Each structure stands twice: as C-alpha cells, then as structure tokens.
C-alpha cells in the first residue's frame, strides 16, 4: 500500500516563488574548550599553583558565572577560598577575582552530578553539604 500523502512530496514547503533566504541546515553547536583549559598560576607559599575562575566553575556545572556568584551570596556554595591579587588602578573592583583549585571544582562537579544539578535541577541542602564536606576534606589533606 502506498502512502496517500506521497503525492505532495514534490511540492515546495514555502509560499511564493522565491526560496527562503534564512533557511538552511541548522548550525552545529559550538564546541567550547573544557573548563580546565586555561588555568591561572599564582604562587602560594612559594609554590606555583593552578587556579580557576568563577567562569571556569560555571562552565564545569553548566551554569553562568552570575549564578555561581548568586549561589555564593545566598550560601548554596561556600565562599571562594582564594582570591587573585587586587587589581591595580581600578575604581570598579575592590577585591581580586574568585579563584578555585582544580580539586575544589571537582568536588563541586561530583556533588552536582550526585544531586542532579548538571541536569538542570535546583540546588538543595544536600548539594551544599556535599560541597562543604568535600572542601573540608581537601583542607585536612593539606594540613
């Protein structure tokens, strides 16, 4: 049995004589570099250490930097442990950028995976507790 709608296959799918200008194949999603592609290096007690910005943390958990700063402000995630040096000659910035270690971001990503944050769910108290527990464990390893 043939498809009764097959008689319409040779018809154009737009009105008029001219083909639409803006219709084309969909653009592929842009490929973004991984969140840990561009670390900043600062000396901590004489040892060069790699740090990542709030934008890198945001990319790691599929959120915007604004969301991460909001989460910090309302207590969903603890404040950044590290800050970059205060910028010179600027009236806009009072303090340096928020900085996170690779291990700290991995703790946040693991907590986000476990709590469904990467899938778009809202953060919960369990998410906050996992992050705090992980960051405290990192501090105890150093000490």
C-alpha atoms as a PDB file:
ATOM      1  CA  UNK A   1       0.000   0.000   0.000  1.00  0.00           C
ATOM      2  CA  UNK A   2       1.481   3.350  -0.991  1.00  0.00           C
ATOM      3  CA  UNK A   3       1.487   6.393   1.217  1.00  0.00           C
ATOM      4  CA  UNK A   4      -1.533   8.592   0.362  1.00  0.00           C
ATOM      5  CA  UNK A   5       0.488  11.739   1.250  1.00  0.00           C
ATOM      6  CA  UNK A   6       3.251  10.859  -1.219  1.00  0.00           C
ATOM      7  CA  UNK A   7       1.513  12.933  -3.900  1.00  0.00           C
ATOM      8  CA  UNK A   8       2.641  16.051  -2.009  1.00  0.00           C
ATOM      9  CA  UNK A   9       6.349  15.136  -1.868  1.00  0.00           C
ATOM     10  CA  UNK A  10       7.280  17.214  -4.923  1.00  0.00           C
ATOM     11  CA  UNK A  11       5.665  20.407  -3.584  1.00  0.00           C
ATOM     12  CA  UNK A  12       7.691  23.257  -2.102  1.00  0.00           C
ATOM     13  CA  UNK A  13       7.331  23.842   1.628  1.00  0.00           C
ATOM     14  CA  UNK A  14       7.222  27.640   1.343  1.00  0.00           C
ATOM     15  CA  UNK A  15       4.754  30.020  -0.279  1.00  0.00           C
ATOM     16  CA  UNK A  16       5.635  32.170  -3.266  1.00  0.00           C
ATOM     17  CA  UNK A  17       8.286  31.832  -5.947  1.00  0.00           C
ATOM     18  CA  UNK A  18      11.481  32.687  -4.088  1.00  0.00           C
ATOM     19  CA  UNK A  19      13.157  30.211  -1.794  1.00  0.00           C
ATOM     20  CA  UNK A  20      13.572  31.482   1.790  1.00  0.00           C
ATOM     21  CA  UNK A  21      16.900  33.225   2.388  1.00  0.00           C
ATOM     22  CA  UNK A  22      17.491  32.335   6.025  1.00  0.00           C
ATOM     23  CA  UNK A  23      16.508  28.702   5.803  1.00  0.00           C
ATOM     24  CA  UNK A  24      19.457  26.376   5.813  1.00  0.00           C
ATOM     25  CA  UNK A  25      20.791  23.420   7.673  1.00  0.00           C
ATOM     26  CA  UNK A  26      20.960  24.071  11.400  1.00  0.00           C
ATOM     27  CA  UNK A  27      24.273  25.350  12.660  1.00  0.00           C
ATOM     28  CA  UNK A  28      26.214  22.882  14.757  1.00  0.00           C
ATOM     29  CA  UNK A  29      26.587  23.657  18.433  1.00  0.00           C
ATOM     30  CA  UNK A  30      29.858  25.486  19.047  1.00  0.00           C
ATOM     31  CA  UNK A  31      32.493  23.436  20.803  1.00  0.00           C
ATOM     32  CA  UNK A  32      33.714  25.114  23.934  1.00  0.00           C
ATOM     33  CA  UNK A  33      37.078  24.270  25.428  1.00  0.00           C
ATOM     34  CA  UNK A  34      36.990  22.222  28.630  1.00  0.00           C
ATOM     35  CA  UNK A  35      36.672  24.232  31.826  1.00  0.00           C
ATOM     36  CA  UNK A  36      40.232  23.411  32.874  1.00  0.00           C
ATOM     37  CA  UNK A  37      41.870  24.516  29.614  1.00  0.00           C
ATOM     38  CA  UNK A  38      43.193  27.891  30.849  1.00  0.00           C
ATOM     39  CA  UNK A  39      44.330  27.836  34.468  1.00  0.00           C
ATOM     40  CA  UNK A  40      45.829  30.878  36.154  1.00  0.00           C
ATOM     41  CA  UNK A  41      49.059  30.276  38.015  1.00  0.00           C
ATOM     42  CA  UNK A  42      49.837  32.063  41.266  1.00  0.00           C
ATOM     43  CA  UNK A  43      52.484  31.384  43.885  1.00  0.00           C
ATOM     44  CA  UNK A  44      51.114  30.117  47.190  1.00  0.00           C
ATOM     45  CA  UNK A  45      53.826  29.999  49.854  1.00  0.00           C
ATOM     46  CA  UNK A  46      56.427  29.992  47.086  1.00  0.00           C
ATOM     47  CA  UNK A  47      54.862  27.089  45.172  1.00  0.00           C
ATOM     48  CA  UNK A  48      53.308  27.746  41.724  1.00  0.00           C
ATOM     49  CA  UNK A  49      49.662  26.658  41.965  1.00  0.00           C
ATOM     50  CA  UNK A  50      46.970  26.486  39.275  1.00  0.00           C
ATOM     51  CA  UNK A  51      43.666  28.206  39.935  1.00  0.00           C
ATOM     52  CA  UNK A  52      40.421  28.591  38.008  1.00  0.00           C
ATOM     53  CA  UNK A  53      37.966  31.481  37.881  1.00  0.00           C
ATOM     54  CA  UNK A  54      34.260  31.634  38.645  1.00  0.00           C
ATOM     55  CA  UNK A  55      33.650  31.340  34.883  1.00  0.00           C
ATOM     56  CA  UNK A  56      35.519  28.032  34.822  1.00  0.00           C
ATOM     57  CA  UNK A  57      33.460  26.725  37.757  1.00  0.00           C
ATOM     58  CA  UNK A  58      30.294  27.864  35.997  1.00  0.00           C
ATOM     59  CA  UNK A  59      31.281  26.036  32.799  1.00  0.00           C
ATOM     60  CA  UNK A  60      32.004  22.883  34.803  1.00  0.00           C
ATOM     61  CA  UNK A  61      28.453  22.797  36.245  1.00  0.00           C
ATOM     62  CA  UNK A  62      26.596  24.158  33.174  1.00  0.00           C
ATOM     63  CA  UNK A  63      25.636  27.465  34.774  1.00  0.00           C
ATOM     64  CA  UNK A  64      26.565  31.116  34.281  1.00  0.00           C
ATOM     65  CA  UNK A  65      29.136  32.951  36.399  1.00  0.00           C
ATOM     66  CA  UNK A  66      26.304  35.164  37.646  1.00  0.00           C
ATOM     67  CA  UNK A  67      24.526  32.082  39.014  1.00  0.00           C
ATOM     68  CA  UNK A  68      27.667  30.895  40.797  1.00  0.00           C
ATOM     69  CA  UNK A  69      28.164  34.318  42.412  1.00  0.00           C
ATOM     70  CA  UNK A  70      24.491  34.285  43.452  1.00  0.00           C
ATOM     71  CA  UNK A  71      24.869  30.801  44.938  1.00  0.00           C
ATOM     72  CA  UNK A  72      27.854  32.048  46.929  1.00  0.00           C
ATOM     73  CA  UNK A  73      25.965  35.133  48.112  1.00  0.00           C
ATOM     74  CA  UNK A  74      22.949  33.140  49.378  1.00  0.00           C
ATOM     75  CA  UNK A  75      25.038  30.324  50.853  1.00  0.00           C
ATOM     76  CA  UNK A  76      24.455  27.470  48.391  1.00  0.00           C
ATOM     77  CA  UNK A  77      28.207  27.118  47.930  1.00  0.00           C
ATOM     78  CA  UNK A  78      30.874  28.315  50.353  1.00  0.00           C
ATOM     79  CA  UNK A  79      32.802  31.485  49.512  1.00  0.00           C
ATOM     80  CA  UNK A  80      35.838  31.094  47.294  1.00  0.00           C
ATOM     81  CA  UNK A  81      38.848  30.079  49.361  1.00  0.00           C
ATOM     82  CA  UNK A  82      41.281  32.061  47.229  1.00  0.00           C
ATOM     83  CA  UNK A  83      41.280  35.496  45.612  1.00  0.00           C
ATOM     84  CA  UNK A  84      43.587  36.947  42.999  1.00  0.00           C
ATOM     85  CA  UNK A  85      45.652  39.980  43.981  1.00  0.00           C
ATOM     86  CA  UNK A  86      43.753  43.271  43.993  1.00  0.00           C
ATOM     87  CA  UNK A  87      43.850  44.796  40.509  1.00  0.00           C
ATOM     88  CA  UNK A  88      45.875  47.978  40.089  1.00  0.00           C
ATOM     89  CA  UNK A  89      44.442  51.329  39.045  1.00  0.00           C
ATOM     90  CA  UNK A  90      40.768  50.472  39.022  1.00  0.00           C
ATOM     91  CA  UNK A  91      37.852  52.026  40.817  1.00  0.00           C
ATOM     92  CA  UNK A  92      35.436  49.261  39.845  1.00  0.00           C
ATOM     93  CA  UNK A  93      36.985  46.290  41.608  1.00  0.00           C
ATOM     94  CA  UNK A  94      37.624  46.361  45.325  1.00  0.00           C
ATOM     95  CA  UNK A  95      38.897  42.782  45.535  1.00  0.00           C
ATOM     96  CA  UNK A  96      40.506  40.271  43.221  1.00  0.00           C
ATOM     97  CA  UNK A  97      38.749  37.535  41.274  1.00  0.00           C
ATOM     98  CA  UNK A  98      37.348  34.444  42.964  1.00  0.00           C
ATOM     99  CA  UNK A  99      39.727  31.527  42.467  1.00  0.00           C
ATOM    100  CA  UNK A 100      39.175  27.797  42.924  1.00  0.00           C
ATOM    101  CA  UNK A 101      41.628  24.920  42.863  1.00  0.00           C
ATOM    102  CA  UNK A 102      41.154  22.034  40.445  1.00  0.00           C
ATOM    103  CA  UNK A 103      40.267  19.751  43.359  1.00  0.00           C
ATOM    104  CA  UNK A 104      37.621  22.183  44.649  1.00  0.00           C
ATOM    105  CA  UNK A 105      35.914  22.335  41.262  1.00  0.00           C
ATOM    106  CA  UNK A 106      35.997  18.530  41.013  1.00  0.00           C
ATOM    107  CA  UNK A 107      34.228  18.338  44.392  1.00  0.00           C
ATOM    108  CA  UNK A 108      31.521  20.728  43.137  1.00  0.00           C
ATOM    109  CA  UNK A 109      31.115  18.757  39.893  1.00  0.00           C
ATOM    110  CA  UNK A 110      30.830  15.435  41.776  1.00  0.00           C
ATOM    111  CA  UNK A 111      28.202  16.949  44.094  1.00  0.00           C
ATOM    112  CA  UNK A 112      26.345  18.396  41.097  1.00  0.00           C
ATOM    113  CA  UNK A 113      26.303  15.007  39.371  1.00  0.00           C
ATOM    114  CA  UNK A 114      25.078  13.251  42.502  1.00  0.00           C
ATOM    115  CA  UNK A 115      22.294  15.784  43.134  1.00  0.00           C
ATOM    116  CA  UNK A 116      21.185  16.209  39.502  1.00  0.00           C
ATOM    117  CA  UNK A 117      22.357  19.824  39.236  1.00  0.00           C
ATOM    118  CA  UNK A 118      24.033  19.098  35.883  1.00  0.00           C
ATOM    119  CA  UNK A 119      20.643  18.009  34.544  1.00  0.00           C
ATOM    120  CA  UNK A 120      19.065  21.355  35.418  1.00  0.00           C
ATOM    121  CA  UNK A 121      17.681  20.672  38.901  1.00  0.00           C
ATOM    122  CA  UNK A 122      17.819  23.385  41.536  1.00  0.00           C
ATOM    123  CA  UNK A 123      20.480  23.049  44.234  1.00  0.00           C
ATOM    124  CA  UNK A 124      19.428  21.528  47.550  1.00  0.00           C
ATOM    125  CA  UNK A 125      20.821  21.479  51.076  1.00  0.00           C
ATOM    126  CA  UNK A 126      22.332  18.074  50.299  1.00  0.00           C
ATOM    127  CA  UNK A 127      24.285  19.681  47.437  1.00  0.00           C
ATOM    128  CA  UNK A 128      25.638  22.334  49.803  1.00  0.00           C
ATOM    129  CA  UNK A 129      26.517  19.719  52.428  1.00  0.00           C
ATOM    130  CA  UNK A 130      28.441  17.613  49.895  1.00  0.00           C
ATOM    131  CA  UNK A 131      30.486  20.615  48.782  1.00  0.00           C
ATOM    132  CA  UNK A 132      31.313  21.699  52.336  1.00  0.00           C
ATOM    133  CA  UNK A 133      32.253  18.146  53.316  1.00  0.00           C
ATOM    134  CA  UNK A 134      34.483  17.794  50.244  1.00  0.00           C
ATOM    135  CA  UNK A 135      36.214  21.148  50.730  1.00  0.00           C
ATOM    136  CA  UNK A 136      36.841  20.403  54.426  1.00  0.00           C
ATOM    137  CA  UNK A 137      38.363  17.061  53.434  1.00  0.00           C
ATOM    138  CA  UNK A 138      40.667  18.883  50.985  1.00  0.00           C
ATOM    139  CA  UNK A 139      41.783  21.261  53.743  1.00  0.00           C
ATOM    140  CA  UNK A 140      42.515  18.341  56.087  1.00  0.00           C
ATOM    141  CA  UNK A 141      44.629  16.630  53.418  1.00  0.00           C
ATOM    142  CA  UNK A 142      46.846  19.709  53.136  1.00  0.00           C
ATOM    143  CA  UNK A 143      47.266  20.138  56.883  1.00  0.00           C
END
